[in-house]
Amino acid sequence: MLGYKSPHFSPQYTGATKAGLIRGSYHFALPDKSTGATQANYFASNGGGWSDDGITLPGALDLECTDNVFFDLRSSAEHHHLSDR
């Protein structure tokens, strides 16, 4: 959800690193609340960025639909990529 960052993220992320674990992050997306580009930028700026360091997993997306509303994401997915930022 845009605007929320788990207070446990940083200590869990650094703790996993110190323990020698491969770690990553995920974004709980609500496509009816803001655009995919807005959410992708928020995610990448708040711990969701990937690095080629051998211990960071690519970000995961938890796509949620509320009130039985479903979205056709094909056209926006074609135009909004984290690599396009």
Protein backbone atom coordinates (compact mmCIF):
# COMPACT_ATOMS: atom_id res chain seq x y z
CA MET A 1 0.00 0.00 0.00
CA LEU A 2 1.41 3.35 -1.00
CA GLY A 3 2.62 5.33 1.97
CA TYR A 4 3.23 2.37 4.27
CA LYS A 5 6.60 0.86 5.09
CA SER A 6 6.83 -1.90 7.66
CA PRO A 7 8.70 -0.74 10.79
CA HIS A 8 10.29 -4.22 10.80
CA PHE A 9 11.68 -4.01 7.26
CA SER A 10 15.10 -2.46 7.98
CA PRO A 11 16.04 -4.65 10.96
CA GLN A 12 14.83 -7.80 9.20
CA TYR A 13 16.63 -6.90 5.98
CA THR A 14 19.94 -6.09 7.68
CA GLY A 15 19.55 -9.05 10.04
CA ALA A 16 19.13 -11.40 7.08
CA THR A 17 22.22 -9.89 5.47
CA LYS A 18 24.28 -10.36 8.64
CA ALA A 19 23.09 -13.96 8.86
CA GLY A 20 24.25 -14.61 5.29
CA LEU A 21 20.72 -15.08 3.90
CA ILE A 22 19.47 -14.12 0.48
CA ARG A 23 16.81 -11.51 1.06
CA GLY A 24 14.35 -9.32 -0.80
CA SER A 25 11.24 -7.24 -0.45
CA TYR A 26 7.70 -7.14 -1.73
CA HIS A 27 5.09 -4.50 -2.46
CA PHE A 28 1.45 -4.87 -1.45
CA ALA A 29 -0.16 -3.09 -4.40
CA LEU A 30 -3.66 -1.68 -4.59
CA PRO A 31 -4.13 -0.73 -8.26
CA ASP A 32 -7.34 1.15 -7.50
CA LYS A 33 -5.47 3.60 -5.22
CA SER A 34 -2.76 4.96 -7.54
CA THR A 35 -1.04 4.27 -10.84
CA GLY A 36 1.36 1.42 -11.38
CA ALA A 37 4.17 3.90 -12.06
CA THR A 38 3.53 5.71 -8.77
CA GLN A 39 3.55 2.45 -6.83
CA ALA A 40 6.65 1.14 -8.63
CA ASN A 41 8.54 4.35 -7.85
CA TYR A 42 7.50 4.20 -4.19
CA PHE A 43 8.55 0.55 -3.95
CA ALA A 44 11.94 1.15 -5.58
CA SER A 45 12.60 4.16 -3.34
CA ASN A 46 11.71 2.31 -0.12
CA GLY A 47 13.74 -0.88 -0.21
CA GLY A 48 12.37 -2.51 -3.34
CA GLY A 49 15.34 -1.82 -5.56
CA TRP A 50 17.25 -4.81 -6.87
CA SER A 51 21.03 -4.98 -6.96
CA ASP A 52 23.29 -7.49 -8.68
CA ASP A 53 25.13 -8.43 -5.49
CA GLY A 54 24.28 -12.13 -5.34
CA ILE A 55 22.21 -11.79 -2.14
CA THR A 56 19.28 -9.60 -3.19
CA LEU A 57 16.18 -11.14 -4.73
CA PRO A 58 14.15 -9.20 -7.30
CA GLY A 59 11.18 -7.41 -5.78
CA ALA A 60 7.92 -9.29 -5.52
CA LEU A 61 4.48 -7.85 -6.18
CA ASP A 62 1.45 -8.73 -4.08
CA LEU A 63 -1.33 -7.45 -6.33
CA GLU A 64 -4.58 -6.95 -4.47
CA CYS A 65 -8.00 -6.22 -5.86
CA THR A 66 -10.59 -4.77 -3.54
CA ASP A 67 -14.38 -4.88 -3.64
CA ASN A 68 -14.27 -7.57 -6.33
CA VAL A 69 -12.81 -5.04 -8.78
CA PHE A 70 -10.43 -6.53 -11.32
CA PHE A 71 -8.12 -4.58 -13.59
CA ASP A 72 -6.73 -5.21 -17.03
CA LEU A 73 -3.06 -4.53 -16.31
CA ARG A 74 -1.66 -5.63 -19.66
CA SER A 75 -1.43 -2.18 -21.22
CA SER A 76 0.01 -0.49 -18.12
CA ALA A 77 2.46 -3.33 -17.53
CA GLU A 78 3.81 -2.82 -21.02
CA HIS A 79 4.54 0.87 -20.32
CA HIS A 80 5.60 0.99 -16.66
CA HIS A 81 8.74 -0.94 -15.76
CA LEU A 82 11.07 -0.31 -12.82
CA SER A 83 13.93 -0.24 -15.31
CA ASP A 84 12.27 2.68 -17.14
CA ARG A 85 12.57 5.01 -14.12
